Amino acid sequence: MNLHREQKHPEYVEGCFGCKVGTLELNSGDAAKPISEKKWQGELNAYRDARAQGIQPAGTSMAHIQQAHKASEVLNKPYNANNMPKAQDINKKSVEVLKHTGAI
C-alpha cells in the first residue's frame, strides 16, 4: 500500500489523484534492450567510414548512415546533414531544385 492510501484512505477512490499516481508503474524503456557489442562496433565503423569520405549522416545509426550514402550518390558529392535537406528527401528531382536555387 502506498503512503497516500495509508495516510488518507485505505481503499482506492475513483477520481483521487493520489490513488491514480499510486497505480503508475515505471519501466526502464529502451535501456532494458542493450545493443550488442558487434552491432555497436559495426555502426561506429560504418559512421567512421562515412566521415572519412566526407559524408555527415544525421546520426550514428545504420539507417542514417545508409540514407546519407544514398543521398551522396544522388548528389554526386558528400551529403551533410547539418546544412542539407533530410537524406530520405533527396532524389533526382530535389537535386535539380537545389541546383536551381544554388543550395548545392
Protein backbone atom coordinates (compact mmCIF):
# COMPACT_ATOMS: atom_id res chain seq x y z
CA MET A 1 0.00 0.00 0.00
CA ASN A 2 1.38 3.42 -0.90
CA LEU A 3 1.89 6.28 1.54
CA HIS A 4 -1.07 8.29 0.22
CA ARG A 5 -3.51 5.47 0.87
CA GLU A 6 -2.03 4.82 4.31
CA GLN A 7 -2.43 8.48 5.33
CA LYS A 8 -5.67 9.47 3.55
CA HIS A 9 -7.88 6.44 2.87
CA PRO A 10 -7.09 2.71 2.71
CA GLU A 11 -9.17 1.87 -0.36
CA TYR A 12 -8.81 3.12 -3.94
CA VAL A 13 -11.05 6.13 -4.63
CA GLU A 14 -12.06 6.85 -8.23
CA GLY A 15 -11.08 10.39 -9.22
CA CYS A 16 -8.47 10.74 -6.45
CA PHE A 17 -5.19 11.93 -7.96
CA GLY A 18 -3.11 10.40 -5.16
CA CYS A 19 -4.71 6.98 -5.75
CA LYS A 20 -4.18 7.28 -9.50
CA VAL A 21 -0.49 8.18 -9.08
CA GLY A 22 -0.08 5.16 -6.83
CA THR A 23 -1.07 2.84 -9.68
CA LEU A 24 1.60 4.11 -12.10
CA GLU A 25 4.36 1.68 -13.00
CA LEU A 26 7.77 2.76 -14.22
CA ASN A 27 10.00 0.81 -16.57
CA SER A 28 13.46 1.23 -18.00
CA GLY A 29 12.26 1.68 -21.60
CA ASP A 30 14.94 1.21 -24.24
CA ALA A 31 17.64 0.97 -21.59
CA ALA A 32 16.45 -2.57 -20.96
CA LYS A 33 17.34 -3.52 -24.54
CA PRO A 34 21.09 -3.07 -24.81
CA ILE A 35 22.62 -3.05 -28.28
CA SER A 36 25.02 -5.92 -28.90
CA GLU A 37 28.72 -5.09 -28.97
CA LYS A 38 29.01 -6.44 -32.53
CA LYS A 39 26.16 -4.20 -33.79
CA TRP A 40 27.54 -1.22 -31.85
CA GLN A 41 31.00 -1.63 -33.36
CA GLY A 42 29.54 -2.17 -36.84
CA GLU A 43 27.58 1.08 -36.66
CA LEU A 44 30.55 3.02 -35.31
CA ASN A 45 32.83 1.64 -38.04
CA ALA A 46 30.26 2.50 -40.74
CA TYR A 47 29.93 6.03 -39.31
CA ARG A 48 33.71 6.42 -39.20
CA ASP A 49 33.98 5.27 -42.82
CA ALA A 50 31.25 7.70 -43.90
CA ARG A 51 33.01 10.59 -42.14
CA ALA A 52 36.29 9.60 -43.80
CA GLN A 53 34.51 10.01 -47.16
CA GLY A 54 33.31 13.49 -46.15
CA ILE A 55 29.74 12.33 -45.52
CA GLN A 56 27.96 13.69 -42.43
CA PRO A 57 24.99 11.43 -41.54
CA ALA A 58 22.17 12.72 -39.33
CA GLY A 59 23.16 10.17 -36.68
CA THR A 60 25.23 7.11 -35.93
CA SER A 61 22.50 4.55 -36.59
CA MET A 62 22.93 2.29 -39.60
CA ALA A 63 19.72 3.69 -41.13
CA HIS A 64 21.06 7.27 -41.01
CA ILE A 65 24.39 6.18 -42.45
CA GLN A 66 22.78 4.26 -45.33
CA GLN A 67 20.46 7.18 -46.12
CA ALA A 68 23.44 9.55 -46.18
CA HIS A 69 25.32 7.25 -48.58
CA LYS A 70 22.30 7.09 -50.92
CA ALA A 71 21.89 10.87 -50.78
CA SER A 72 25.60 11.29 -51.60
CA GLU A 73 25.20 9.07 -54.65
CA VAL A 74 22.26 11.12 -55.93
CA LEU A 75 24.02 14.42 -55.19
CA ASN A 76 27.35 13.28 -56.67
CA LYS A 77 29.03 14.86 -53.64
CA PRO A 78 29.25 14.09 -49.91
CA TYR A 79 25.98 14.56 -48.04
CA ASN A 80 25.97 16.82 -44.97
CA ALA A 81 23.01 16.53 -42.60
CA ASN A 82 23.91 19.83 -40.92
CA ASN A 83 23.11 22.02 -43.91
CA MET A 84 21.20 19.88 -46.42
CA PRO A 85 17.62 18.57 -46.50
CA LYS A 86 16.86 15.24 -44.85
CA ALA A 87 18.68 12.43 -46.61
CA GLN A 88 15.48 10.48 -47.31
CA ASP A 89 14.04 13.54 -49.11
CA ILE A 90 16.91 13.78 -51.58
CA ASN A 91 16.15 12.39 -55.03
CA LYS A 92 16.93 13.40 -58.61
CA LYS A 93 14.08 15.91 -58.71
CA SER A 94 15.02 17.56 -55.42
CA VAL A 95 18.67 17.78 -56.57
CA GLU A 96 17.56 19.71 -59.65
CA VAL A 97 15.63 22.15 -57.46
CA LEU A 98 18.60 22.55 -55.10
CA LYS A 99 20.91 23.23 -58.06
CA HIS A 100 18.45 25.74 -59.49
CA THR A 101 18.25 27.64 -56.19
CA GLY A 102 22.02 27.50 -55.69
CA ALA A 103 21.77 25.49 -52.48
CA ILE A 104 24.30 22.96 -53.79
